[in-house]
Protein backbone atom coordinates (compact mmCIF):
# COMPACT_ATOMS: atom_id res chain seq x y z
CA VAL A 1 -18.77 -12.92 3.71
CA SER A 2 -16.57 -12.45 6.78
CA HIS A 3 -12.83 -12.92 6.81
CA ASN A 4 -10.27 -12.77 9.60
CA LEU A 5 -7.28 -12.61 7.28
CA ILE A 6 -6.70 -12.01 3.58
CA VAL A 7 -3.31 -12.74 2.07
CA THR A 8 -2.85 -11.66 -1.53
CA SER A 9 -0.20 -10.77 -4.06
CA TYR A 10 0.39 -7.32 -5.48
CA GLU A 11 -0.89 -8.50 -8.87
CA VAL A 12 -4.16 -9.80 -7.44
CA LEU A 13 -4.60 -6.61 -5.40
CA ARG A 14 -4.04 -4.48 -8.51
CA ASN A 15 -6.57 -6.56 -10.50
CA ASP A 16 -9.20 -6.79 -7.72
CA VAL A 17 -8.79 -3.34 -6.18
CA SER A 18 -12.43 -2.48 -6.81
CA LYS A 19 -13.54 -5.27 -4.48
CA LEU A 20 -10.77 -4.92 -1.88
CA ALA A 21 -11.15 -1.12 -1.65
CA GLN A 22 -14.75 -1.60 -0.48
CA MET A 23 -13.62 -3.54 2.58
CA ASP A 24 -12.46 -2.04 5.88
CA PHE A 25 -9.31 -3.65 7.27
CA LEU A 26 -7.79 -3.30 10.72
CA TYR A 27 -4.26 -3.81 9.31
CA CYS A 28 -2.71 -3.68 5.89
CA VAL A 29 0.82 -5.08 5.88
CA LEU A 30 2.99 -4.83 2.77
CA ASP A 31 5.91 -7.18 2.38
CA GLU A 32 8.55 -5.91 -0.04
CA GLY A 33 6.96 -2.50 0.36
CA HIS A 34 9.60 -0.83 -1.79
CA ILE A 35 7.53 -2.08 -4.75
CA ILE A 36 5.18 0.92 -4.26
CA ARG A 37 7.97 3.50 -4.45
CA ASN A 38 6.71 4.81 -7.79
CA PRO A 39 3.80 7.04 -6.70
CA GLU A 40 2.30 7.12 -10.22
CA SER A 41 2.11 3.38 -10.82
CA LYS A 42 -1.21 1.53 -10.95
CA LEU A 43 0.07 -0.75 -8.20
CA SER A 44 0.86 2.14 -5.82
CA ASN A 45 -2.57 3.63 -6.41
CA ALA A 46 -4.27 0.28 -5.85
CA VAL A 47 -2.45 -0.36 -2.57
CA LYS A 48 -3.24 3.15 -1.35
CA ALA A 49 -6.95 2.60 -2.13
CA VAL A 50 -7.16 -0.13 0.52
CA LYS A 51 -8.85 1.20 3.66
CA ALA A 52 -7.04 0.17 6.84
CA SER A 53 -6.84 1.56 10.37
CA HIS A 54 -3.17 0.60 10.62
CA ARG A 55 -0.55 0.31 7.88
CA VAL A 56 2.87 -1.35 7.95
CA ILE A 57 5.60 -1.65 5.35
CA LEU A 58 8.22 -4.41 5.51
CA SER A 59 11.21 -4.23 3.20
CA GLY A 60 14.73 -5.57 3.13
CA THR A 61 15.68 -3.09 0.42
CA PRO A 62 17.40 0.07 1.62
CA LEU A 63 15.69 3.32 0.79
CA GLN A 64 17.20 5.24 -2.09
CA ASN A 65 18.10 8.90 -1.86
CA ASN A 66 15.07 9.86 -3.89
CA VAL A 67 12.52 12.06 -2.18
CA ALA A 68 9.66 11.01 -4.49
CA GLU A 69 10.17 7.32 -3.65
CA LEU A 70 10.30 8.04 0.06
CA TRP A 71 7.19 10.22 -0.24
CA SER A 72 5.29 7.36 -1.88
CA LEU A 73 6.07 5.01 1.00
CA PHE A 74 5.03 7.56 3.61
CA ASP A 75 1.90 8.40 1.61
CA PHE A 76 0.85 4.77 2.08
CA LEU A 77 1.66 4.84 5.80
CA THR A 78 0.01 8.21 6.55
CA PRO A 79 -2.24 9.13 3.60
CA GLY A 80 -2.28 12.87 2.88
CA TYR A 81 0.01 13.82 5.76
CA LEU A 82 2.86 15.01 3.52
CA GLY A 83 0.58 16.63 0.93
CA THR A 84 1.04 16.03 -2.77
């Protein structure tokens, strides 16, 4: 099945990650991206399992002064670049 665009919720992505992680996307855009700030959550891991050539985070929530939360966001944007 071919798709030009898939719009989903975080809950659906978390539940269907096994299917979505098998697909190759050109873009993965997260709205309310601050939701993945906990790097150990199932949701963060599910989002980071999505394969995409380009990644974008949108958020109206200011970043907190917590390095771990900031690391989690950048780990989505540039996987592996900042290490573990």
